[in-house]
């Protein structure tokens, strides 16, 4: 039997948990710890200094907009789809998240070979396209007051959007403010509610919103069952569509030779209905002291991925 252990760069790897941030940082600085992971977008992101090697890797953590699909403006699929042109994903992922995000228009990591950039080209940020899309959906300024109205039984009705974001995350607040500003620019009245976590959760559960900014960790197969299937625990917007559920299940259950076709069918239906609006996927960082480790290829579920190709030098 091959001796796989003989290929490893170290005889022993010690694991240590720190519940206190300052202790963990101190341990890394004094060399007690040699490898740490960090979520740069988290409110608990730790500062480990600049004299280190950082290796970013994609995660299944999805930032997205959710909609109230039961009533109001976003009960209309064409209005949800129009929101694609309102959200500047590149700025959020690159500037607000300081490069720790990967823009995505689909509920699948762009690292996946099934992800299609063709949808990115169709749904990229454009104020002009947003204005036209809402016009086409008959959400227009009917009374020339500078504000858009929607027709309810053929009567133009004022729109007052309630937009929720959790105030615990400065990055999400900044992104939500930018989205709200663009909505205001194209003629909507927006009330952005920056709520502490418990208040935010309560507002979601009670359905007191038109749209909200959220983050969730997707399952490894990127299933949308909890988010968008009827009765899903995170389906705060009340989305329900049997065709959507069938296409999603067919995609996840497709054989290898049929998966690309099933993915395209599902993604086409997803982008047309836009039950949620993907913004980006987080990237996390594996941090080591400079020049100590080479050959690392960390992944979301295995920080020691490819460890047999690591080279370790403690100087």
C-alpha atoms as a PDB file:
ATOM      1  CA  UNK A   1       0.000   0.000   0.000  1.00  0.00           C
ATOM      2  CA  UNK A   2       1.358   3.468  -0.893  1.00  0.00           C
ATOM      3  CA  UNK A   3       2.574   5.573   2.021  1.00  0.00           C
ATOM      4  CA  UNK A   4       0.550   8.736   1.401  1.00  0.00           C
ATOM      5  CA  UNK A   5       1.845  10.241   4.625  1.00  0.00           C
ATOM      6  CA  UNK A   6       5.322  10.310   3.177  1.00  0.00           C
ATOM      7  CA  UNK A   7       4.168  12.971   0.680  1.00  0.00           C
ATOM      8  CA  UNK A   8       2.979  15.407   3.312  1.00  0.00           C
ATOM      9  CA  UNK A   9       5.092  18.494   4.026  1.00  0.00           C
ATOM     10  CA  UNK A  10       4.617  18.216   7.804  1.00  0.00           C
ATOM     11  CA  UNK A  11       4.630  15.376  10.292  1.00  0.00           C
ATOM     12  CA  UNK A  12       1.986  17.002  12.512  1.00  0.00           C
ATOM     13  CA  UNK A  13      -0.615  19.770  12.152  1.00  0.00           C
ATOM     14  CA  UNK A  14      -2.006  21.183  15.382  1.00  0.00           C
ATOM     15  CA  UNK A  15      -5.469  22.724  15.431  1.00  0.00           C
ATOM     16  CA  UNK A  16      -6.270  25.477  17.915  1.00  0.00           C
ATOM     17  CA  UNK A  17      -9.540  27.333  18.477  1.00  0.00           C
ATOM     18  CA  UNK A  18      -9.593  30.896  19.795  1.00  0.00           C
ATOM     19  CA  UNK A  19     -12.888  32.425  20.848  1.00  0.00           C
ATOM     20  CA  UNK A  20     -11.266  35.761  21.651  1.00  0.00           C
ATOM     21  CA  UNK A  21     -10.223  37.771  18.583  1.00  0.00           C
ATOM     22  CA  UNK A  22      -7.327  39.555  20.233  1.00  0.00           C
ATOM     23  CA  UNK A  23      -5.843  36.289  21.503  1.00  0.00           C
ATOM     24  CA  UNK A  24      -6.025  34.795  18.018  1.00  0.00           C
ATOM     25  CA  UNK A  25      -4.347  37.808  16.442  1.00  0.00           C
ATOM     26  CA  UNK A  26      -1.629  37.833  19.101  1.00  0.00           C
ATOM     27  CA  UNK A  27      -0.995  34.111  18.626  1.00  0.00           C
ATOM     28  CA  UNK A  28      -0.572  34.618  14.891  1.00  0.00           C
ATOM     29  CA  UNK A  29       1.719  37.601  15.383  1.00  0.00           C
ATOM     30  CA  UNK A  30       4.017  35.773  17.823  1.00  0.00           C
ATOM     31  CA  UNK A  31       4.192  32.640  15.653  1.00  0.00           C
ATOM     32  CA  UNK A  32       2.071  30.318  17.818  1.00  0.00           C
ATOM     33  CA  UNK A  33      -0.326  30.133  14.877  1.00  0.00           C
ATOM     34  CA  UNK A  34       0.976  29.729  11.340  1.00  0.00           C
ATOM     35  CA  UNK A  35      -2.266  29.475   9.352  1.00  0.00           C
ATOM     36  CA  UNK A  36      -5.593  31.273   9.874  1.00  0.00           C
ATOM     37  CA  UNK A  37      -8.705  31.861   7.796  1.00  0.00           C
ATOM     38  CA  UNK A  38     -10.608  35.125   7.622  1.00  0.00           C
ATOM     39  CA  UNK A  39     -13.826  36.526   6.132  1.00  0.00           C
ATOM     40  CA  UNK A  40     -12.862  40.068   5.088  1.00  0.00           C
ATOM     41  CA  UNK A  41     -16.519  41.099   4.648  1.00  0.00           C
ATOM     42  CA  UNK A  42     -17.674  39.978   8.089  1.00  0.00           C
ATOM     43  CA  UNK A  43     -18.236  42.322  11.014  1.00  0.00           C
ATOM     44  CA  UNK A  44     -15.886  39.921  12.798  1.00  0.00           C
ATOM     45  CA  UNK A  45     -13.117  40.325  10.219  1.00  0.00           C
ATOM     46  CA  UNK A  46      -9.741  40.371  11.969  1.00  0.00           C
ATOM     47  CA  UNK A  47      -6.725  42.488  11.074  1.00  0.00           C
ATOM     48  CA  UNK A  48      -3.610  40.374  10.733  1.00  0.00           C
ATOM     49  CA  UNK A  49      -1.349  43.067   9.308  1.00  0.00           C
ATOM     50  CA  UNK A  50       0.221  43.321   5.868  1.00  0.00           C
ATOM     51  CA  UNK A  51       3.427  41.271   6.290  1.00  0.00           C
ATOM     52  CA  UNK A  52       1.638  38.048   5.363  1.00  0.00           C
ATOM     53  CA  UNK A  53       0.574  35.982   2.368  1.00  0.00           C
ATOM     54  CA  UNK A  54      -3.177  36.015   1.680  1.00  0.00           C
ATOM     55  CA  UNK A  55      -4.777  33.478  -0.648  1.00  0.00           C
ATOM     56  CA  UNK A  56      -8.381  34.200  -1.535  1.00  0.00           C
ATOM     57  CA  UNK A  57     -10.746  31.382  -2.382  1.00  0.00           C
ATOM     58  CA  UNK A  58     -14.395  31.367  -3.537  1.00  0.00           C
ATOM     59  CA  UNK A  59     -17.165  30.464  -1.090  1.00  0.00           C
ATOM     60  CA  UNK A  60     -20.847  29.577  -1.311  1.00  0.00           C
ATOM     61  CA  UNK A  61     -21.834  32.729   0.645  1.00  0.00           C
ATOM     62  CA  UNK A  62     -24.325  34.590  -1.545  1.00  0.00           C
ATOM     63  CA  UNK A  63     -25.195  38.282  -1.212  1.00  0.00           C
ATOM     64  CA  UNK A  64     -28.576  38.969  -2.799  1.00  0.00           C
ATOM     65  CA  UNK A  65     -31.697  41.119  -2.919  1.00  0.00           C
ATOM     66  CA  UNK A  66     -34.939  39.514  -1.789  1.00  0.00           C
ATOM     67  CA  UNK A  67     -38.378  40.736  -2.846  1.00  0.00           C
ATOM     68  CA  UNK A  68     -41.906  40.750  -1.507  1.00  0.00           C
ATOM     69  CA  UNK A  69     -43.480  38.611  -4.218  1.00  0.00           C
ATOM     70  CA  UNK A  70     -46.938  38.559  -2.597  1.00  0.00           C
ATOM     71  CA  UNK A  71     -47.931  42.167  -3.222  1.00  0.00           C
ATOM     72  CA  UNK A  72     -46.752  45.555  -4.399  1.00  0.00           C
ATOM     73  CA  UNK A  73     -44.290  46.437  -7.136  1.00  0.00           C
ATOM     74  CA  UNK A  74     -42.220  43.264  -6.907  1.00  0.00           C
ATOM     75  CA  UNK A  75     -45.159  40.910  -7.228  1.00  0.00           C
ATOM     76  CA  UNK A  76     -44.562  41.560 -10.950  1.00  0.00           C
ATOM     77  CA  UNK A  77     -41.769  39.435 -12.447  1.00  0.00           C
ATOM     78  CA  UNK A  78     -40.831  42.105 -14.973  1.00  0.00           C
ATOM     79  CA  UNK A  79     -40.193  44.606 -12.159  1.00  0.00           C
ATOM     80  CA  UNK A  80     -37.989  42.146 -10.285  1.00  0.00           C
ATOM     81  CA  UNK A  81     -36.048  41.493 -13.485  1.00  0.00           C
ATOM     82  CA  UNK A  82     -35.640  45.240 -14.065  1.00  0.00           C
ATOM     83  CA  UNK A  83     -33.775  45.457 -10.757  1.00  0.00           C
ATOM     84  CA  UNK A  84     -30.808  43.702 -12.396  1.00  0.00           C
ATOM     85  CA  UNK A  85     -29.997  47.004 -14.114  1.00  0.00           C
ATOM     86  CA  UNK A  86     -30.284  48.954 -10.834  1.00  0.00           C
ATOM     87  CA  UNK A  87     -27.594  47.013  -8.946  1.00  0.00           C
ATOM     88  CA  UNK A  88     -23.946  47.787  -9.693  1.00  0.00           C
ATOM     89  CA  UNK A  89     -22.517  44.393  -8.761  1.00  0.00           C
ATOM     90  CA  UNK A  90     -18.967  45.218  -9.835  1.00  0.00           C
ATOM     91  CA  UNK A  91     -18.737  48.250  -7.554  1.00  0.00           C
ATOM     92  CA  UNK A  92     -20.180  46.357  -4.594  1.00  0.00           C
ATOM     93  CA  UNK A  93     -17.819  43.381  -5.007  1.00  0.00           C
ATOM     94  CA  UNK A  94     -14.681  45.316  -5.931  1.00  0.00           C
ATOM     95  CA  UNK A  95     -14.956  48.622  -4.066  1.00  0.00           C
ATOM     96  CA  UNK A  96     -17.325  48.157  -1.133  1.00  0.00           C
ATOM     97  CA  UNK A  97     -16.059  44.644  -0.373  1.00  0.00           C
ATOM     98  CA  UNK A  98     -12.464  45.577  -1.215  1.00  0.00           C
ATOM     99  CA  UNK A  99     -12.181  42.783  -3.763  1.00  0.00           C
ATOM    100  CA  UNK A 100     -13.511  40.099  -1.412  1.00  0.00           C
ATOM    101  CA  UNK A 101     -16.541  39.445  -3.601  1.00  0.00           C
ATOM    102  CA  UNK A 102     -17.156  37.929  -7.028  1.00  0.00           C
ATOM    103  CA  UNK A 103     -20.077  39.486  -8.964  1.00  0.00           C
ATOM    104  CA  UNK A 104     -22.793  37.014  -9.952  1.00  0.00           C
ATOM    105  CA  UNK A 105     -26.108  37.333 -11.789  1.00  0.00           C
ATOM    106  CA  UNK A 106     -26.963  33.662 -11.216  1.00  0.00           C
ATOM    107  CA  UNK A 107     -27.494  31.722  -7.957  1.00  0.00           C
ATOM    108  CA  UNK A 108     -24.393  29.676  -8.744  1.00  0.00           C
ATOM    109  CA  UNK A 109     -20.768  30.489  -8.034  1.00  0.00           C
ATOM    110  CA  UNK A 110     -18.937  31.922 -11.069  1.00  0.00           C
ATOM    111  CA  UNK A 111     -16.214  29.392 -10.198  1.00  0.00           C
ATOM    112  CA  UNK A 112     -18.536  26.651 -11.475  1.00  0.00           C
ATOM    113  CA  UNK A 113     -18.023  25.485 -15.075  1.00  0.00           C
ATOM    114  CA  UNK A 114     -21.818  25.650 -15.466  1.00  0.00           C
ATOM    115  CA  UNK A 115     -21.893  29.394 -14.824  1.00  0.00           C
ATOM    116  CA  UNK A 116     -22.563  31.328 -18.038  1.00  0.00           C
ATOM    117  CA  UNK A 117     -21.122  34.817 -18.605  1.00  0.00           C
ATOM    118  CA  UNK A 118     -23.733  35.360 -21.323  1.00  0.00           C
ATOM    119  CA  UNK A 119     -26.248  36.237 -18.586  1.00  0.00           C
ATOM    120  CA  UNK A 120     -23.807  38.762 -17.131  1.00  0.00           C
ATOM    121  CA  UNK A 121     -23.737  40.648 -20.407  1.00  0.00           C
ATOM    122  CA  UNK A 122     -27.547  40.684 -20.578  1.00  0.00           C
ATOM    123  CA  UNK A 123     -28.157  41.802 -16.997  1.00  0.00           C
ATOM    124  CA  UNK A 124     -25.322  44.187 -16.174  1.00  0.00           C
ATOM    125  CA  UNK A 125     -25.818  47.537 -14.433  1.00  0.00           C
ATOM    126  CA  UNK A 126     -27.334  50.291 -16.594  1.00  0.00           C
ATOM    127  CA  UNK A 127     -29.496  53.175 -15.384  1.00  0.00           C
ATOM    128  CA  UNK A 128     -30.798  53.682 -18.920  1.00  0.00           C
ATOM    129  CA  UNK A 129     -31.847  50.031 -19.206  1.00  0.00           C
ATOM    130  CA  UNK A 130     -33.458  50.177 -15.757  1.00  0.00           C
ATOM    131  CA  UNK A 131     -35.559  53.186 -16.760  1.00  0.00           C
ATOM    132  CA  UNK A 132     -36.640  51.490 -19.980  1.00  0.00           C
ATOM    133  CA  UNK A 133     -37.432  48.190 -18.258  1.00  0.00           C
ATOM    134  CA  UNK A 134     -39.715  49.868 -15.717  1.00  0.00           C
ATOM    135  CA  UNK A 135     -41.334  51.911 -18.491  1.00  0.00           C
ATOM    136  CA  UNK A 136     -42.016  48.678 -20.387  1.00  0.00           C
ATOM    137  CA  UNK A 137     -43.571  47.234 -17.221  1.00  0.00           C
ATOM    138  CA  UNK A 138     -45.940  50.247 -17.182  1.00  0.00           C
ATOM    139  CA  UNK A 139     -44.327  51.632 -14.051  1.00  0.00           C
ATOM    140  CA  UNK A 140     -44.080  55.221 -15.190  1.00  0.00           C
ATOM    141  CA  UNK A 141     -44.515  58.837 -14.136  1.00  0.00           C
ATOM    142  CA  UNK A 142     -48.151  59.225 -15.140  1.00  0.00           C
ATOM    143  CA  UNK A 143     -48.811  62.566 -13.395  1.00  0.00           C
ATOM    144  CA  UNK A 144     -45.520  64.304 -14.207  1.00  0.00           C
ATOM    145  CA  UNK A 145     -44.496  64.746 -10.562  1.00  0.00           C
ATOM    146  CA  UNK A 146     -41.056  63.169 -11.076  1.00  0.00           C
ATOM    147  CA  UNK A 147     -42.126  59.925  -9.384  1.00  0.00           C
ATOM    148  CA  UNK A 148     -43.118  56.623 -10.936  1.00  0.00           C
ATOM    149  CA  UNK A 149     -46.530  55.094 -10.346  1.00  0.00           C
ATOM    150  CA  UNK A 150     -47.895  51.627 -11.048  1.00  0.00           C
ATOM    151  CA  UNK A 151     -51.371  50.931 -12.334  1.00  0.00           C
ATOM    152  CA  UNK A 152     -53.778  49.179  -9.992  1.00  0.00           C
ATOM    153  CA  UNK A 153     -57.045  48.379 -11.821  1.00  0.00           C
ATOM    154  CA  UNK A 154     -55.890  50.915 -14.435  1.00  0.00           C
ATOM    155  CA  UNK A 155     -55.465  53.661 -11.818  1.00  0.00           C
ATOM    156  CA  UNK A 156     -51.927  55.099 -11.389  1.00  0.00           C
ATOM    157  CA  UNK A 157     -50.920  54.511  -7.767  1.00  0.00           C
ATOM    158  CA  UNK A 158     -48.026  56.005  -5.793  1.00  0.00           C
ATOM    159  CA  UNK A 159     -45.133  53.677  -4.941  1.00  0.00           C
ATOM    160  CA  UNK A 160     -43.338  53.859  -1.604  1.00  0.00           C
ATOM    161  CA  UNK A 161     -40.681  51.154  -1.373  1.00  0.00           C
ATOM    162  CA  UNK A 162     -39.574  49.815   2.015  1.00  0.00           C
ATOM    163  CA  UNK A 163     -36.012  48.487   1.736  1.00  0.00           C
ATOM    164  CA  UNK A 164     -34.471  46.533   4.625  1.00  0.00           C
ATOM    165  CA  UNK A 165     -30.792  46.057   5.436  1.00  0.00           C
ATOM    166  CA  UNK A 166     -29.055  44.822   8.566  1.00  0.00           C
ATOM    167  CA  UNK A 167     -27.163  47.721  10.134  1.00  0.00           C
ATOM    168  CA  UNK A 168     -24.608  45.345  11.712  1.00  0.00           C
ATOM    169  CA  UNK A 169     -22.742  45.156   8.387  1.00  0.00           C
ATOM    170  CA  UNK A 170     -21.230  48.452   7.123  1.00  0.00           C
ATOM    171  CA  UNK A 171     -20.574  46.861   3.729  1.00  0.00           C
ATOM    172  CA  UNK A 172     -24.194  45.823   3.254  1.00  0.00           C
ATOM    173  CA  UNK A 173     -25.437  49.210   4.435  1.00  0.00           C
ATOM    174  CA  UNK A 174     -23.187  50.971   1.940  1.00  0.00           C
ATOM    175  CA  UNK A 175     -24.359  48.686  -0.868  1.00  0.00           C
ATOM    176  CA  UNK A 176     -28.020  49.127   0.063  1.00  0.00           C
ATOM    177  CA  UNK A 177     -27.644  52.911   0.141  1.00  0.00           C
ATOM    178  CA  UNK A 178     -26.159  52.862  -3.362  1.00  0.00           C
ATOM    179  CA  UNK A 179     -29.053  50.725  -4.635  1.00  0.00           C
ATOM    180  CA  UNK A 180     -31.573  53.014  -2.933  1.00  0.00           C
ATOM    181  CA  UNK A 181     -29.880  56.064  -4.494  1.00  0.00           C
ATOM    182  CA  UNK A 182     -30.196  54.560  -7.977  1.00  0.00           C
ATOM    183  CA  UNK A 183     -33.865  53.744  -7.387  1.00  0.00           C
ATOM    184  CA  UNK A 184     -34.430  57.326  -6.263  1.00  0.00           C
ATOM    185  CA  UNK A 185     -32.593  58.595  -9.334  1.00  0.00           C
ATOM    186  CA  UNK A 186     -34.965  56.757 -11.682  1.00  0.00           C
ATOM    187  CA  UNK A 187     -38.095  57.973  -9.929  1.00  0.00           C
ATOM    188  CA  UNK A 188     -38.916  55.815  -6.900  1.00  0.00           C
ATOM    189  CA  UNK A 189     -39.592  56.864  -3.328  1.00  0.00           C
ATOM    190  CA  UNK A 190     -37.477  54.593  -1.117  1.00  0.00           C
ATOM    191  CA  UNK A 191     -37.467  54.218   2.652  1.00  0.00           C
ATOM    192  CA  UNK A 192     -34.228  52.466   3.543  1.00  0.00           C
ATOM    193  CA  UNK A 193     -34.529  50.912   6.991  1.00  0.00           C
ATOM    194  CA  UNK A 194     -31.134  50.146   8.539  1.00  0.00           C
ATOM    195  CA  UNK A 195     -32.112  47.766  11.329  1.00  0.00           C
ATOM    196  CA  UNK A 196     -30.220  45.927  14.039  1.00  0.00           C
ATOM    197  CA  UNK A 197     -30.165  42.188  13.461  1.00  0.00           C
ATOM    198  CA  UNK A 198     -33.115  41.236  15.673  1.00  0.00           C
ATOM    199  CA  UNK A 199     -35.288  44.017  14.240  1.00  0.00           C
ATOM    200  CA  UNK A 200     -34.215  43.078  10.728  1.00  0.00           C
ATOM    201  CA  UNK A 201     -35.131  39.430  11.286  1.00  0.00           C
ATOM    202  CA  UNK A 202     -38.497  40.402  12.755  1.00  0.00           C
ATOM    203  CA  UNK A 203     -39.315  42.663   9.793  1.00  0.00           C
ATOM    204  CA  UNK A 204     -38.442  39.863   7.356  1.00  0.00           C
ATOM    205  CA  UNK A 205     -40.585  37.310   9.168  1.00  0.00           C
ATOM    206  CA  UNK A 206     -43.516  39.727   9.331  1.00  0.00           C
ATOM    207  CA  UNK A 207     -43.250  40.607   5.642  1.00  0.00           C
ATOM    208  CA  UNK A 208     -42.777  44.316   6.372  1.00  0.00           C
ATOM    209  CA  UNK A 209     -40.774  45.117   3.250  1.00  0.00           C
ATOM    210  CA  UNK A 210     -40.740  45.471  -0.512  1.00  0.00           C
ATOM    211  CA  UNK A 211     -37.114  44.398  -0.869  1.00  0.00           C
ATOM    212  CA  UNK A 212     -34.193  43.538   1.391  1.00  0.00           C
ATOM    213  CA  UNK A 213     -30.440  43.014   1.237  1.00  0.00           C
ATOM    214  CA  UNK A 214     -29.333  39.637   2.618  1.00  0.00           C
ATOM    215  CA  UNK A 215     -26.595  37.050   2.717  1.00  0.00           C
ATOM    216  CA  UNK A 216     -26.890  33.293   3.043  1.00  0.00           C
ATOM    217  CA  UNK A 217     -24.549  30.331   2.788  1.00  0.00           C
ATOM    218  CA  UNK A 218     -25.684  28.098  -0.055  1.00  0.00           C
ATOM    219  CA  UNK A 219     -25.497  24.325   0.205  1.00  0.00           C
ATOM    220  CA  UNK A 220     -22.656  22.654  -1.750  1.00  0.00           C
ATOM    221  CA  UNK A 221     -25.059  21.796  -4.580  1.00  0.00           C
ATOM    222  CA  UNK A 222     -26.406  25.384  -4.647  1.00  0.00           C
ATOM    223  CA  UNK A 223     -29.962  24.238  -3.984  1.00  0.00           C
ATOM    224  CA  UNK A 224     -32.574  26.991  -3.714  1.00  0.00           C
ATOM    225  CA  UNK A 225     -35.059  24.891  -1.748  1.00  0.00           C
ATOM    226  CA  UNK A 226     -34.806  26.891   1.492  1.00  0.00           C
ATOM    227  CA  UNK A 227     -34.694  30.245  -0.295  1.00  0.00           C
ATOM    228  CA  UNK A 228     -37.384  29.945  -2.935  1.00  0.00           C
ATOM    229  CA  UNK A 229     -39.410  26.741  -2.716  1.00  0.00           C
ATOM    230  CA  UNK A 230     -42.884  26.953  -1.223  1.00  0.00           C
ATOM    231  CA  UNK A 231     -42.556  26.802   2.566  1.00  0.00           C
ATOM    232  CA  UNK A 232     -38.775  27.318   2.513  1.00  0.00           C
ATOM    233  CA  UNK A 233     -37.378  28.603   5.799  1.00  0.00           C
ATOM    234  CA  UNK A 234     -35.711  31.604   4.085  1.00  0.00           C
ATOM    235  CA  UNK A 235     -38.508  32.310   1.601  1.00  0.00           C
ATOM    236  CA  UNK A 236     -39.510  35.555   3.308  1.00  0.00           C
ATOM    237  CA  UNK A 237     -40.926  37.013   0.086  1.00  0.00           C
ATOM    238  CA  UNK A 238     -43.465  34.237  -0.382  1.00  0.00           C
ATOM    239  CA  UNK A 239     -42.297  33.224  -3.857  1.00  0.00           C
ATOM    240  CA  UNK A 240     -44.168  30.217  -5.224  1.00  0.00           C
ATOM    241  CA  UNK A 241     -43.819  28.758  -8.723  1.00  0.00           C
ATOM    242  CA  UNK A 242     -44.163  25.067  -9.549  1.00  0.00           C
ATOM    243  CA  UNK A 243     -42.370  25.448 -12.901  1.00  0.00           C
ATOM    244  CA  UNK A 244     -39.422  27.094 -11.161  1.00  0.00           C
ATOM    245  CA  UNK A 245     -39.224  24.262  -8.629  1.00  0.00           C
ATOM    246  CA  UNK A 246     -39.388  21.652 -11.393  1.00  0.00           C
ATOM    247  CA  UNK A 247     -36.623  23.300 -13.431  1.00  0.00           C
ATOM    248  CA  UNK A 248     -34.453  23.692 -10.315  1.00  0.00           C
ATOM    249  CA  UNK A 249     -34.889  20.022  -9.404  1.00  0.00           C
ATOM    250  CA  UNK A 250     -34.181  18.908 -12.971  1.00  0.00           C
ATOM    251  CA  UNK A 251     -30.960  20.929 -12.954  1.00  0.00           C
ATOM    252  CA  UNK A 252     -29.732  19.475  -9.662  1.00  0.00           C
ATOM    253  CA  UNK A 253     -30.711  15.932 -10.626  1.00  0.00           C
ATOM    254  CA  UNK A 254     -29.468  15.965 -14.222  1.00  0.00           C
ATOM    255  CA  UNK A 255     -27.001  13.358 -15.436  1.00  0.00           C
ATOM    256  CA  UNK A 256     -23.564  14.618 -16.469  1.00  0.00           C
ATOM    257  CA  UNK A 257     -24.360  14.566 -20.183  1.00  0.00           C
ATOM    258  CA  UNK A 258     -27.607  16.530 -19.669  1.00  0.00           C
ATOM    259  CA  UNK A 259     -26.508  18.974 -16.981  1.00  0.00           C
ATOM    260  CA  UNK A 260     -25.503  21.874 -19.247  1.00  0.00           C
ATOM    261  CA  UNK A 261     -28.854  21.844 -21.038  1.00  0.00           C
ATOM    262  CA  UNK A 262     -30.746  21.560 -17.747  1.00  0.00           C
ATOM    263  CA  UNK A 263     -28.696  24.434 -16.312  1.00  0.00           C
ATOM    264  CA  UNK A 264     -29.490  26.703 -19.260  1.00  0.00           C
ATOM    265  CA  UNK A 265     -33.206  25.906 -19.007  1.00  0.00           C
ATOM    266  CA  UNK A 266     -33.190  26.698 -15.305  1.00  0.00           C
ATOM    267  CA  UNK A 267     -31.082  29.859 -15.592  1.00  0.00           C
ATOM    268  CA  UNK A 268     -33.296  31.231 -18.368  1.00  0.00           C
ATOM    269  CA  UNK A 269     -36.388  30.751 -16.228  1.00  0.00           C
ATOM    270  CA  UNK A 270     -34.601  32.129 -13.173  1.00  0.00           C
ATOM    271  CA  UNK A 271     -33.489  35.343 -14.883  1.00  0.00           C
ATOM    272  CA  UNK A 272     -36.917  35.895 -16.443  1.00  0.00           C
ATOM    273  CA  UNK A 273     -38.687  35.544 -13.093  1.00  0.00           C
ATOM    274  CA  UNK A 274     -35.883  36.871 -10.798  1.00  0.00           C
ATOM    275  CA  UNK A 275     -37.357  35.580  -7.519  1.00  0.00           C
ATOM    276  CA  UNK A 276     -34.194  36.851  -5.835  1.00  0.00           C
ATOM    277  CA  UNK A 277     -31.429  38.950  -7.330  1.00  0.00           C
ATOM    278  CA  UNK A 278     -27.909  37.552  -6.865  1.00  0.00           C
ATOM    279  CA  UNK A 279     -25.280  40.236  -6.285  1.00  0.00           C
ATOM    280  CA  UNK A 280     -22.014  38.446  -5.514  1.00  0.00           C
ATOM    281  CA  UNK A 281     -20.372  35.546  -3.732  1.00  0.00           C
ATOM    282  CA  UNK A 282     -17.942  36.189  -0.885  1.00  0.00           C
ATOM    283  CA  UNK A 283     -14.273  35.286  -1.070  1.00  0.00           C
ATOM    284  CA  UNK A 284     -12.462  34.268   2.098  1.00  0.00           C
ATOM    285  CA  UNK A 285      -8.735  34.369   2.799  1.00  0.00           C
ATOM    286  CA  UNK A 286      -6.218  31.806   4.034  1.00  0.00           C
ATOM    287  CA  UNK A 287      -3.421  33.749   5.724  1.00  0.00           C
ATOM    288  CA  UNK A 288       0.109  32.555   6.444  1.00  0.00           C
ATOM    289  CA  UNK A 289       3.311  34.304   7.436  1.00  0.00           C
ATOM    290  CA  UNK A 290       5.159  35.587   4.406  1.00  0.00           C
ATOM    291  CA  UNK A 291       7.211  33.010   2.459  1.00  0.00           C
ATOM    292  CA  UNK A 292       6.431  30.192   4.916  1.00  0.00           C
ATOM    293  CA  UNK A 293       4.064  28.169   2.702  1.00  0.00           C
ATOM    294  CA  UNK A 294       3.926  27.823  -1.083  1.00  0.00           C
ATOM    295  CA  UNK A 295       1.749  25.662  -3.311  1.00  0.00           C
ATOM    296  CA  UNK A 296      -1.456  26.273  -1.314  1.00  0.00           C
ATOM    297  CA  UNK A 297      -4.792  25.909  -3.130  1.00  0.00           C
ATOM    298  CA  UNK A 298      -7.393  26.353  -0.354  1.00  0.00           C
ATOM    299  CA  UNK A 299     -11.070  25.741  -1.051  1.00  0.00           C
ATOM    300  CA  UNK A 300     -14.272  26.619   0.763  1.00  0.00           C
ATOM    301  CA  UNK A 301     -14.627  23.222   2.391  1.00  0.00           C
ATOM    302  CA  UNK A 302     -10.985  22.212   2.666  1.00  0.00           C
ATOM    303  CA  UNK A 303      -8.323  24.663   3.727  1.00  0.00           C
ATOM    304  CA  UNK A 304      -5.769  21.834   3.395  1.00  0.00           C
ATOM    305  CA  UNK A 305      -6.684  21.090  -0.205  1.00  0.00           C
ATOM    306  CA  UNK A 306      -3.682  19.906  -2.239  1.00  0.00           C
ATOM    307  CA  UNK A 307      -1.535  19.685   0.901  1.00  0.00           C
ATOM    308  CA  UNK A 308       0.725  17.057  -0.649  1.00  0.00           C
ATOM    309  CA  UNK A 309       1.997  19.792  -2.998  1.00  0.00           C
ATOM    310  CA  UNK A 310       2.684  22.321  -0.249  1.00  0.00           C
ATOM    311  CA  UNK A 311       6.235  23.399   0.486  1.00  0.00           C
ATOM    312  CA  UNK A 312       6.773  24.632   4.048  1.00  0.00           C
ATOM    313  CA  UNK A 313       9.777  26.549   5.271  1.00  0.00           C
ATOM    314  CA  UNK A 314      10.042  28.077   8.733  1.00  0.00           C
ATOM    315  CA  UNK A 315      13.329  29.738   7.848  1.00  0.00           C
END
